[in-house]
């Protein structure tokens, strides 16, 4: 099992968004969830983890730009 934690400093909006997405970003080979204020991606293999990380950072990018509005 591969696991990566992303800590978002001062990112309450990002954490809230990922709490909503917990049910959406879940599949047989991995998932994304929030634990202790960190965004956690877990996957069965490196390729699945890469895919999850792409999703995590894409959402963080959007959240950052929405928060700036």
PDB file of N, CA and C in Angstrom:
ATOM      1  N   UNK A   1       0.853  -1.176   0.000  1.00  0.00           N
ATOM      2  CA  UNK A   1       0.000   0.000   0.000  1.00  0.00           C
ATOM      3  C   UNK A   1       0.892   1.230   0.000  1.00  0.00           C
ATOM      4  N   UNK A   2       0.588   2.159  -0.879  1.00  0.00           N
ATOM      5  CA  UNK A   2       1.287   3.436  -0.971  1.00  0.00           C
ATOM      6  C   UNK A   2       0.423   4.493  -0.285  1.00  0.00           C
ATOM      7  N   UNK A   3       1.079   5.406   0.427  1.00  0.00           N
ATOM      8  CA  UNK A   3       0.340   6.445   1.151  1.00  0.00           C
ATOM      9  C   UNK A   3       1.123   7.749   1.067  1.00  0.00           C
ATOM     10  N   UNK A   4       0.405   8.829   0.802  1.00  0.00           N
ATOM     11  CA  UNK A   4       1.022  10.145   0.787  1.00  0.00           C
ATOM     12  C   UNK A   4       0.095  11.116   1.500  1.00  0.00           C
ATOM     13  N   UNK A   5       0.674  11.925   2.400  1.00  0.00           N
ATOM     14  CA  UNK A   5      -0.093  12.931   3.122  1.00  0.00           C
ATOM     15  C   UNK A   5       0.298  14.310   2.625  1.00  0.00           C
ATOM     16  N   UNK A   6      -0.702  15.157   2.413  1.00  0.00           N
ATOM     17  CA  UNK A   6      -0.471  16.524   1.971  1.00  0.00           C
ATOM     18  C   UNK A   6      -1.042  17.439   3.051  1.00  0.00           C
ATOM     19  N   UNK A   7      -0.157  18.214   3.671  1.00  0.00           N
ATOM     20  CA  UNK A   7      -0.597  19.163   4.686  1.00  0.00           C
ATOM     21  C   UNK A   7      -0.793  20.517   4.020  1.00  0.00           C
ATOM     22  N   UNK A   8      -1.975  21.080   4.208  1.00  0.00           N
ATOM     23  CA  UNK A   8      -2.310  22.354   3.590  1.00  0.00           C
ATOM     24  C   UNK A   8      -2.307  23.406   4.686  1.00  0.00           C
ATOM     25  N   UNK A   9      -1.279  24.235   4.714  1.00  0.00           N
ATOM     26  CA  UNK A   9      -1.167  25.272   5.732  1.00  0.00           C
ATOM     27  C   UNK A   9      -2.244  26.328   5.565  1.00  0.00           C
ATOM     28  N   UNK A  10      -3.062  26.505   6.596  1.00  0.00           N
ATOM     29  CA  UNK A  10      -4.116  27.522   6.546  1.00  0.00           C
ATOM     30  C   UNK A  10      -5.154  27.245   5.483  1.00  0.00           C
ATOM     31  N   UNK A  11      -5.310  26.002   5.095  1.00  0.00           N
ATOM     32  CA  UNK A  11      -6.210  25.657   4.001  1.00  0.00           C
ATOM     33  C   UNK A  11      -7.518  25.073   4.464  1.00  0.00           C
ATOM     34  N   UNK A  12      -8.256  25.808   5.308  1.00  0.00           N
ATOM     35  CA  UNK A  12      -9.534  25.296   5.788  1.00  0.00           C
ATOM     36  C   UNK A  12     -10.501  25.011   4.642  1.00  0.00           C
ATOM     37  N   UNK A  13     -10.491  25.872   3.640  1.00  0.00           N
ATOM     38  CA  UNK A  13     -11.369  25.658   2.487  1.00  0.00           C
ATOM     39  C   UNK A  13     -10.983  24.374   1.767  1.00  0.00           C
ATOM     40  N   UNK A  14      -9.690  24.134   1.590  1.00  0.00           N
ATOM     41  CA  UNK A  14      -9.229  22.921   0.912  1.00  0.00           C
ATOM     42  C   UNK A  14      -9.637  21.675   1.691  1.00  0.00           C
ATOM     43  N   UNK A  15      -9.489  21.714   3.000  1.00  0.00           N
ATOM     44  CA  UNK A  15      -9.864  20.555   3.826  1.00  0.00           C
ATOM     45  C   UNK A  15     -11.365  20.311   3.718  1.00  0.00           C
ATOM     46  N   UNK A  16     -12.168  21.366   3.748  1.00  0.00           N
ATOM     47  CA  UNK A  16     -13.615  21.216   3.609  1.00  0.00           C
ATOM     48  C   UNK A  16     -13.986  20.621   2.253  1.00  0.00           C
ATOM     49  N   UNK A  17     -13.326  21.070   1.202  1.00  0.00           N
ATOM     50  CA  UNK A  17     -13.604  20.535  -0.132  1.00  0.00           C
ATOM     51  C   UNK A  17     -13.269  19.049  -0.179  1.00  0.00           C
ATOM     52  N   UNK A  18     -12.142  18.653   0.389  1.00  0.00           N
ATOM     53  CA  UNK A  18     -11.764  17.246   0.346  1.00  0.00           C
ATOM     54  C   UNK A  18     -12.638  16.380   1.241  1.00  0.00           C
ATOM     55  N   UNK A  19     -13.197  16.938   2.296  1.00  0.00           N
ATOM     56  CA  UNK A  19     -14.160  16.168   3.093  1.00  0.00           C
ATOM     57  C   UNK A  19     -15.385  15.844   2.247  1.00  0.00           C
ATOM     58  N   UNK A  20     -15.787  16.789   1.413  1.00  0.00           N
ATOM     59  CA  UNK A  20     -16.914  16.553   0.513  1.00  0.00           C
ATOM     60  C   UNK A  20     -16.538  15.507  -0.539  1.00  0.00           C
ATOM     61  N   UNK A  21     -15.299  15.564  -1.033  1.00  0.00           N
ATOM     62  CA  UNK A  21     -14.862  14.671  -2.109  1.00  0.00           C
ATOM     63  C   UNK A  21     -14.509  13.257  -1.637  1.00  0.00           C
ATOM     64  N   UNK A  22     -14.452  13.038  -0.324  1.00  0.00           N
ATOM     65  CA  UNK A  22     -14.068  11.706   0.174  1.00  0.00           C
ATOM     66  C   UNK A  22     -14.880  10.584  -0.460  1.00  0.00           C
ATOM     67  N   UNK A  23     -16.152  10.788  -0.591  1.00  0.00           N
ATOM     68  CA  UNK A  23     -17.010   9.763  -1.185  1.00  0.00           C
ATOM     69  C   UNK A  23     -16.867   9.640  -2.689  1.00  0.00           C
ATOM     70  N   UNK A  24     -16.395  10.694  -3.326  1.00  0.00           N
ATOM     71  CA  UNK A  24     -16.273  10.715  -4.783  1.00  0.00           C
ATOM     72  C   UNK A  24     -14.950  10.146  -5.283  1.00  0.00           C
ATOM     73  N   UNK A  25     -13.876  10.375  -4.540  1.00  0.00           N
ATOM     74  CA  UNK A  25     -12.544   9.940  -4.978  1.00  0.00           C
ATOM     75  C   UNK A  25     -12.193   8.651  -4.243  1.00  0.00           C
ATOM     76  N   UNK A  26     -12.899   7.605  -4.593  1.00  0.00           N
ATOM     77  CA  UNK A  26     -12.715   6.302  -3.969  1.00  0.00           C
ATOM     78  C   UNK A  26     -12.964   5.238  -5.034  1.00  0.00           C
ATOM     79  N   UNK A  27     -12.008   4.341  -5.182  1.00  0.00           N
ATOM     80  CA  UNK A  27     -12.192   3.253  -6.134  1.00  0.00           C
ATOM     81  C   UNK A  27     -11.470   2.025  -5.600  1.00  0.00           C
ATOM     82  N   UNK A  28     -11.555   0.936  -6.298  1.00  0.00           N
ATOM     83  CA  UNK A  28     -11.037  -0.338  -5.787  1.00  0.00           C
ATOM     84  C   UNK A  28      -9.542  -0.313  -5.466  1.00  0.00           C
ATOM     85  N   UNK A  29      -8.781   0.515  -6.169  1.00  0.00           N
ATOM     86  CA  UNK A  29      -7.328   0.510  -5.984  1.00  0.00           C
ATOM     87  C   UNK A  29      -6.800   1.670  -5.149  1.00  0.00           C
ATOM     88  N   UNK A  30      -7.697   2.534  -4.657  1.00  0.00           N
ATOM     89  CA  UNK A  30      -7.226   3.640  -3.835  1.00  0.00           C
ATOM     90  C   UNK A  30      -8.330   4.587  -3.419  1.00  0.00           C
ATOM     91  N   UNK A  31      -7.942   5.570  -2.600  1.00  0.00           N
ATOM     92  CA  UNK A  31      -8.906   6.558  -2.127  1.00  0.00           C
ATOM     93  C   UNK A  31      -8.186   7.795  -1.619  1.00  0.00           C
ATOM     94  N   UNK A  32      -8.950   8.874  -1.481  1.00  0.00           N
ATOM     95  CA  UNK A  32      -8.463  10.121  -0.901  1.00  0.00           C
ATOM     96  C   UNK A  32      -9.406  10.455   0.247  1.00  0.00           C
ATOM     97  N   UNK A  33      -8.834  10.861   1.382  1.00  0.00           N
ATOM     98  CA  UNK A  33      -9.644  11.237   2.533  1.00  0.00           C
ATOM     99  C   UNK A  33      -8.891  12.249   3.379  1.00  0.00           C
ATOM    100  N   UNK A  34      -9.577  12.826   4.371  1.00  0.00           N
ATOM    101  CA  UNK A  34      -8.989  13.812   5.275  1.00  0.00           C
ATOM    102  C   UNK A  34      -8.782  13.147   6.632  1.00  0.00           C
ATOM    103  N   UNK A  35      -7.573  13.339   7.181  1.00  0.00           N
ATOM    104  CA  UNK A  35      -7.238  12.780   8.496  1.00  0.00           C
ATOM    105  C   UNK A  35      -6.365  13.793   9.235  1.00  0.00           C
ATOM    106  N   UNK A  36      -6.800  14.217  10.406  1.00  0.00           N
ATOM    107  CA  UNK A  36      -6.043  15.178  11.225  1.00  0.00           C
ATOM    108  C   UNK A  36      -5.683  16.452  10.457  1.00  0.00           C
ATOM    109  N   UNK A  37      -6.601  16.942   9.641  1.00  0.00           N
ATOM    110  CA  UNK A  37      -6.364  18.170   8.889  1.00  0.00           C
ATOM    111  C   UNK A  37      -5.434  18.011   7.700  1.00  0.00           C
ATOM    112  N   UNK A  38      -5.077  16.779   7.357  1.00  0.00           N
ATOM    113  CA  UNK A  38      -4.211  16.506   6.208  1.00  0.00           C
ATOM    114  C   UNK A  38      -5.012  15.757   5.154  1.00  0.00           C
ATOM    115  N   UNK A  39      -4.657  15.983   3.909  1.00  0.00           N
ATOM    116  CA  UNK A  39      -5.269  15.241   2.810  1.00  0.00           C
ATOM    117  C   UNK A  39      -4.411  14.005   2.589  1.00  0.00           C
ATOM    118  N   UNK A  40      -5.032  12.840   2.635  1.00  0.00           N
ATOM    119  CA  UNK A  40      -4.308  11.574   2.535  1.00  0.00           C
ATOM    120  C   UNK A  40      -4.754  10.829   1.286  1.00  0.00           C
ATOM    121  N   UNK A  41      -3.774  10.383   0.502  1.00  0.00           N
ATOM    122  CA  UNK A  41      -4.047   9.553  -0.669  1.00  0.00           C
ATOM    123  C   UNK A  41      -3.428   8.182  -0.405  1.00  0.00           C
ATOM    124  N   UNK A  42      -4.210   7.130  -0.539  1.00  0.00           N
ATOM    125  CA  UNK A  42      -3.731   5.759  -0.385  1.00  0.00           C
ATOM    126  C   UNK A  42      -4.064   4.989  -1.649  1.00  0.00           C
ATOM    127  N   UNK A  43      -3.108   4.175  -2.095  1.00  0.00           N
ATOM    128  CA  UNK A  43      -3.337   3.400  -3.316  1.00  0.00           C
ATOM    129  C   UNK A  43      -2.609   2.068  -3.237  1.00  0.00           C
ATOM    130  N   UNK A  44      -3.085   1.112  -4.005  1.00  0.00           N
ATOM    131  CA  UNK A  44      -2.503  -0.223  -4.022  1.00  0.00           C
ATOM    132  C   UNK A  44      -1.204  -0.278  -4.812  1.00  0.00           C
ATOM    133  N   UNK A  45      -1.018   0.648  -5.755  1.00  0.00           N
ATOM    134  CA  UNK A  45       0.203   0.640  -6.565  1.00  0.00           C
ATOM    135  C   UNK A  45       0.605   2.070  -6.917  1.00  0.00           C
ATOM    136  N   UNK A  46       1.818   2.223  -7.413  1.00  0.00           N
ATOM    137  CA  UNK A  46       2.364   3.547  -7.706  1.00  0.00           C
ATOM    138  C   UNK A  46       1.572   4.273  -8.797  1.00  0.00           C
ATOM    139  N   UNK A  47       1.111   3.562  -9.791  1.00  0.00           N
ATOM    140  CA  UNK A  47       0.351   4.183 -10.870  1.00  0.00           C
ATOM    141  C   UNK A  47      -0.971   4.760 -10.356  1.00  0.00           C
ATOM    142  N   UNK A  48      -1.632   4.023  -9.493  1.00  0.00           N
ATOM    143  CA  UNK A  48      -2.887   4.509  -8.913  1.00  0.00           C
ATOM    144  C   UNK A  48      -2.634   5.704  -8.005  1.00  0.00           C
ATOM    145  N   UNK A  49      -1.526   5.685  -7.266  1.00  0.00           N
ATOM    146  CA  UNK A  49      -1.176   6.817  -6.410  1.00  0.00           C
ATOM    147  C   UNK A  49      -0.908   8.059  -7.259  1.00  0.00           C
ATOM    148  N   UNK A  50      -0.215   7.883  -8.368  1.00  0.00           N
ATOM    149  CA  UNK A  50       0.044   9.003  -9.262  1.00  0.00           C
ATOM    150  C   UNK A  50      -1.262   9.613  -9.758  1.00  0.00           C
ATOM    151  N   UNK A  51      -2.209   8.779 -10.098  1.00  0.00           N
ATOM    152  CA  UNK A  51      -3.505   9.257 -10.562  1.00  0.00           C
ATOM    153  C   UNK A  51      -4.228  10.030  -9.459  1.00  0.00           C
ATOM    154  N   UNK A  52      -4.192   9.506  -8.240  1.00  0.00           N
ATOM    155  CA  UNK A  52      -4.829  10.190  -7.118  1.00  0.00           C
ATOM    156  C   UNK A  52      -4.151  11.531  -6.838  1.00  0.00           C
ATOM    157  N   UNK A  53      -2.840  11.551  -6.904  1.00  0.00           N
ATOM    158  CA  UNK A  53      -2.117  12.798  -6.645  1.00  0.00           C
ATOM    159  C   UNK A  53      -2.425  13.850  -7.697  1.00  0.00           C
ATOM    160  N   UNK A  54      -2.593  13.415  -8.920  1.00  0.00           N
ATOM    161  CA  UNK A  54      -2.986  14.336  -9.981  1.00  0.00           C
ATOM    162  C   UNK A  54      -4.324  14.983  -9.615  1.00  0.00           C
ATOM    163  N   UNK A  55      -5.255  14.189  -9.144  1.00  0.00           N
ATOM    164  CA  UNK A  55      -6.561  14.698  -8.731  1.00  0.00           C
ATOM    165  C   UNK A  55      -6.417  15.656  -7.554  1.00  0.00           C
ATOM    166  N   UNK A  56      -5.626  15.274  -6.545  1.00  0.00           N
ATOM    167  CA  UNK A  56      -5.449  16.106  -5.355  1.00  0.00           C
ATOM    168  C   UNK A  56      -4.883  17.469  -5.734  1.00  0.00           C
ATOM    169  N   UNK A  57      -3.807  17.488  -6.500  1.00  0.00           N
ATOM    170  CA  UNK A  57      -3.179  18.758  -6.820  1.00  0.00           C
ATOM    171  C   UNK A  57      -4.000  19.593  -7.802  1.00  0.00           C
ATOM    172  N   UNK A  58      -4.761  18.957  -8.647  1.00  0.00           N
ATOM    173  CA  UNK A  58      -5.652  19.696  -9.545  1.00  0.00           C
ATOM    174  C   UNK A  58      -6.737  20.402  -8.727  1.00  0.00           C
ATOM    175  N   UNK A  59      -7.311  19.696  -7.760  1.00  0.00           N
ATOM    176  CA  UNK A  59      -8.346  20.296  -6.904  1.00  0.00           C
ATOM    177  C   UNK A  59      -7.744  21.404  -6.050  1.00  0.00           C
ATOM    178  N   UNK A  60      -6.541  21.194  -5.501  1.00  0.00           N
ATOM    179  CA  UNK A  60      -5.890  22.241  -4.707  1.00  0.00           C
ATOM    180  C   UNK A  60      -5.648  23.495  -5.542  1.00  0.00           C
ATOM    181  N   UNK A  61      -5.266  23.316  -6.784  1.00  0.00           N
ATOM    182  CA  UNK A  61      -5.042  24.443  -7.695  1.00  0.00           C
ATOM    183  C   UNK A  61      -6.333  25.235  -7.880  1.00  0.00           C
ATOM    184  N   UNK A  62      -7.433  24.533  -8.114  1.00  0.00           N
ATOM    185  CA  UNK A  62      -8.721  25.197  -8.307  1.00  0.00           C
ATOM    186  C   UNK A  62      -9.159  25.899  -7.028  1.00  0.00           C
ATOM    187  N   UNK A  63      -9.025  25.227  -5.889  1.00  0.00           N
ATOM    188  CA  UNK A  63      -9.423  25.826  -4.608  1.00  0.00           C
ATOM    189  C   UNK A  63      -8.619  27.091  -4.334  1.00  0.00           C
ATOM    190  N   UNK A  64      -7.320  27.047  -4.604  1.00  0.00           N
ATOM    191  CA  UNK A  64      -6.468  28.216  -4.376  1.00  0.00           C
ATOM    192  C   UNK A  64      -6.934  29.403  -5.213  1.00  0.00           C
ATOM    193  N   UNK A  65      -7.296  29.150  -6.454  1.00  0.00           N
ATOM    194  CA  UNK A  65      -7.720  30.241  -7.329  1.00  0.00           C
ATOM    195  C   UNK A  65      -9.125  30.722  -7.001  1.00  0.00           C
ATOM    196  N   UNK A  66      -9.984  29.854  -6.551  1.00  0.00           N
ATOM    197  CA  UNK A  66     -11.322  30.277  -6.128  1.00  0.00           C
ATOM    198  C   UNK A  66     -11.214  31.115  -4.865  1.00  0.00           C
ATOM    199  N   UNK A  67     -10.355  30.702  -3.939  1.00  0.00           N
ATOM    200  CA  UNK A  67     -10.191  31.450  -2.681  1.00  0.00           C
ATOM    201  C   UNK A  67      -9.644  32.848  -2.937  1.00  0.00           C
ATOM    202  N   UNK A  68      -8.882  33.007  -4.005  1.00  0.00           N
ATOM    203  CA  UNK A  68      -8.301  34.306  -4.325  1.00  0.00           C
ATOM    204  C   UNK A  68      -9.333  35.290  -4.894  1.00  0.00           C
ATOM    205  N   UNK A  69     -10.477  34.777  -5.331  1.00  0.00           N
ATOM    206  CA  UNK A  69     -11.512  35.650  -5.916  1.00  0.00           C
ATOM    207  C   UNK A  69     -12.121  36.486  -4.869  1.00  0.00           C
TER     208      UNK A  69
END
